[in-house]
Amino acid sequence: MDREFEVAVLNGHRREKLKEFSLSEAMTEKVIQIRASSLQDFIGHLDHLAQLGGSRYSRK
């Protein structure tokens, strides 16, 4: 993961970065709602969402 993406997901620019992926609007909103103070914490929450929803995504 590049540093720019890491900074963006933690500092309020997550929505812009998520546009690089083919996520449903519902999943995008769930990811936006994640509260994390570190990248590892964010990834843990993201993994949990993926397991619950069985979501599939790909980078555009």
N, C-alpha and C. Protein backbone atom coordinates (compact mmCIF):
# COMPACT_ATOMS: atom_id res chain seq x y z
N MET A 1 0.85 -1.17 0.00
CA MET A 1 0.00 0.00 0.00
C MET A 1 0.90 1.23 0.00
N ASP A 2 0.53 2.17 -0.85
CA ASP A 2 1.38 3.35 -0.91
C ASP A 2 1.06 4.32 0.22
N ARG A 3 2.03 5.13 0.54
CA ARG A 3 1.92 6.07 1.66
C ARG A 3 0.79 7.08 1.44
N GLU A 4 0.59 7.52 0.20
CA GLU A 4 -0.47 8.48 -0.11
C GLU A 4 -1.84 7.90 0.24
N PHE A 5 -2.05 6.63 -0.11
CA PHE A 5 -3.32 5.98 0.19
C PHE A 5 -3.50 5.85 1.71
N GLU A 6 -2.45 5.46 2.39
CA GLU A 6 -2.49 5.32 3.85
C GLU A 6 -2.90 6.64 4.51
N VAL A 7 -2.27 7.71 4.12
CA VAL A 7 -2.58 9.02 4.69
C VAL A 7 -4.02 9.40 4.37
N ALA A 8 -4.46 9.16 3.15
CA ALA A 8 -5.81 9.54 2.74
C ALA A 8 -6.89 8.80 3.53
N VAL A 9 -6.70 7.51 3.78
CA VAL A 9 -7.74 6.77 4.49
C VAL A 9 -7.81 7.14 5.96
N LEU A 10 -6.77 7.74 6.48
CA LEU A 10 -6.76 8.11 7.90
C LEU A 10 -7.05 9.59 8.14
N ASN A 11 -7.01 10.43 7.12
CA ASN A 11 -7.13 11.86 7.37
C ASN A 11 -8.35 12.54 6.75
N GLY A 12 -9.36 11.76 6.40
CA GLY A 12 -10.58 12.38 5.91
C GLY A 12 -10.73 12.45 4.41
N HIS A 13 -9.80 11.88 3.67
CA HIS A 13 -9.90 11.88 2.21
C HIS A 13 -10.20 10.47 1.69
N ARG A 14 -10.81 9.70 2.55
CA ARG A 14 -11.09 8.29 2.22
C ARG A 14 -12.03 8.16 1.02
N ARG A 15 -13.07 8.97 0.98
CA ARG A 15 -14.05 8.87 -0.12
C ARG A 15 -13.38 9.03 -1.47
N GLU A 16 -12.48 10.00 -1.60
CA GLU A 16 -11.79 10.21 -2.87
C GLU A 16 -10.97 8.99 -3.26
N LYS A 17 -10.28 8.41 -2.31
CA LYS A 17 -9.45 7.24 -2.60
C LYS A 17 -10.29 6.01 -2.92
N LEU A 18 -11.45 5.90 -2.28
CA LEU A 18 -12.30 4.74 -2.52
C LEU A 18 -12.88 4.72 -3.93
N LYS A 19 -12.88 5.86 -4.59
CA LYS A 19 -13.37 5.92 -5.97
C LYS A 19 -12.49 5.09 -6.91
N GLU A 20 -11.29 4.73 -6.46
CA GLU A 20 -10.39 3.92 -7.26
C GLU A 20 -10.82 2.45 -7.28
N PHE A 21 -11.82 2.10 -6.47
CA PHE A 21 -12.28 0.73 -6.36
C PHE A 21 -13.73 0.60 -6.80
N SER A 22 -14.10 -0.59 -7.22
CA SER A 22 -15.48 -0.86 -7.65
C SER A 22 -16.28 -1.34 -6.45
N LEU A 23 -16.66 -0.39 -5.60
CA LEU A 23 -17.46 -0.72 -4.42
C LEU A 23 -18.88 -0.22 -4.63
N SER A 24 -19.83 -0.94 -4.06
CA SER A 24 -21.20 -0.44 -4.08
C SER A 24 -21.27 0.81 -3.22
N GLU A 25 -22.31 1.59 -3.42
CA GLU A 25 -22.49 2.79 -2.60
C GLU A 25 -22.66 2.40 -1.13
N ALA A 26 -23.38 1.31 -0.88
CA ALA A 26 -23.60 0.86 0.50
C ALA A 26 -22.27 0.48 1.16
N MET A 27 -21.42 -0.24 0.44
CA MET A 27 -20.13 -0.64 1.01
C MET A 27 -19.24 0.58 1.18
N THR A 28 -19.27 1.50 0.23
CA THR A 28 -18.48 2.72 0.36
C THR A 28 -18.86 3.46 1.64
N GLU A 29 -20.15 3.57 1.92
CA GLU A 29 -20.60 4.25 3.13
C GLU A 29 -20.13 3.53 4.39
N LYS A 30 -20.14 2.20 4.36
CA LYS A 30 -19.66 1.43 5.52
C LYS A 30 -18.17 1.67 5.75
N VAL A 31 -17.41 1.72 4.67
CA VAL A 31 -15.97 1.96 4.79
C VAL A 31 -15.71 3.38 5.29
N ILE A 32 -16.48 4.33 4.81
CA ILE A 32 -16.35 5.72 5.24
C ILE A 32 -16.57 5.83 6.75
N GLN A 33 -17.47 5.03 7.29
CA GLN A 33 -17.82 5.10 8.70
C GLN A 33 -16.80 4.47 9.63
N ILE A 34 -15.83 3.75 9.10
CA ILE A 34 -14.80 3.13 9.94
C ILE A 34 -14.02 4.22 10.67
N ARG A 35 -13.85 4.03 11.95
CA ARG A 35 -13.03 4.93 12.78
C ARG A 35 -11.77 4.18 13.17
N ALA A 36 -10.63 4.70 12.77
CA ALA A 36 -9.36 4.05 13.05
C ALA A 36 -8.27 5.09 13.26
N SER A 37 -7.36 4.78 14.16
CA SER A 37 -6.25 5.69 14.42
C SER A 37 -4.95 5.22 13.78
N SER A 38 -4.99 4.02 13.21
CA SER A 38 -3.80 3.50 12.52
C SER A 38 -4.25 2.70 11.30
N LEU A 39 -3.34 2.50 10.39
CA LEU A 39 -3.65 1.71 9.20
C LEU A 39 -4.01 0.28 9.58
N GLN A 40 -3.31 -0.28 10.55
CA GLN A 40 -3.59 -1.64 10.98
C GLN A 40 -5.00 -1.76 11.54
N ASP A 41 -5.42 -0.77 12.31
CA ASP A 41 -6.77 -0.74 12.85
C ASP A 41 -7.79 -0.64 11.72
N PHE A 42 -7.54 0.22 10.75
CA PHE A 42 -8.44 0.38 9.60
C PHE A 42 -8.56 -0.94 8.85
N ILE A 43 -7.45 -1.59 8.59
CA ILE A 43 -7.46 -2.86 7.85
C ILE A 43 -8.24 -3.92 8.62
N GLY A 44 -8.10 -3.94 9.93
CA GLY A 44 -8.85 -4.89 10.75
C GLY A 44 -10.35 -4.68 10.61
N HIS A 45 -10.79 -3.43 10.66
CA HIS A 45 -12.21 -3.13 10.48
C HIS A 45 -12.67 -3.48 9.06
N LEU A 46 -11.83 -3.19 8.08
CA LEU A 46 -12.15 -3.49 6.69
C LEU A 46 -12.28 -4.99 6.47
N ASP A 47 -11.39 -5.75 7.08
CA ASP A 47 -11.45 -7.22 6.98
C ASP A 47 -12.75 -7.73 7.59
N HIS A 48 -13.14 -7.16 8.71
CA HIS A 48 -14.38 -7.56 9.36
C HIS A 48 -15.58 -7.29 8.43
N LEU A 49 -15.62 -6.13 7.81
CA LEU A 49 -16.69 -5.81 6.87
C LEU A 49 -16.73 -6.80 5.70
N ALA A 50 -15.57 -7.12 5.18
CA ALA A 50 -15.48 -8.04 4.05
C ALA A 50 -16.00 -9.42 4.44
N GLN A 51 -15.68 -9.88 5.63
CA GLN A 51 -16.16 -11.18 6.08
C GLN A 51 -17.66 -11.18 6.28
N LEU A 52 -18.20 -10.10 6.81
CA LEU A 52 -19.65 -10.01 7.03
C LEU A 52 -20.43 -9.95 5.74
N GLY A 53 -19.92 -9.16 4.80
CA GLY A 53 -20.67 -8.93 3.56
C GLY A 53 -20.24 -9.79 2.40
N GLY A 54 -19.15 -10.51 2.57
CA GLY A 54 -18.64 -11.29 1.45
C GLY A 54 -18.38 -10.41 0.26
N SER A 55 -18.01 -9.15 0.53
CA SER A 55 -17.86 -8.20 -0.56
C SER A 55 -16.71 -8.57 -1.48
N ARG A 56 -16.91 -8.20 -2.71
CA ARG A 56 -15.85 -8.37 -3.71
C ARG A 56 -15.58 -6.99 -4.28
N TYR A 57 -14.33 -6.67 -4.39
CA TYR A 57 -14.00 -5.37 -4.97
C TYR A 57 -12.74 -5.52 -5.79
N SER A 58 -12.56 -4.59 -6.68
CA SER A 58 -11.35 -4.58 -7.50
C SER A 58 -10.95 -3.13 -7.72
N ARG A 59 -9.70 -2.93 -7.92
CA ARG A 59 -9.22 -1.58 -8.20
C ARG A 59 -9.46 -1.27 -9.66
N LYS A 60 -9.96 -0.08 -9.93
CA LYS A 60 -10.25 0.34 -11.31
C LYS A 60 -8.96 0.53 -12.08
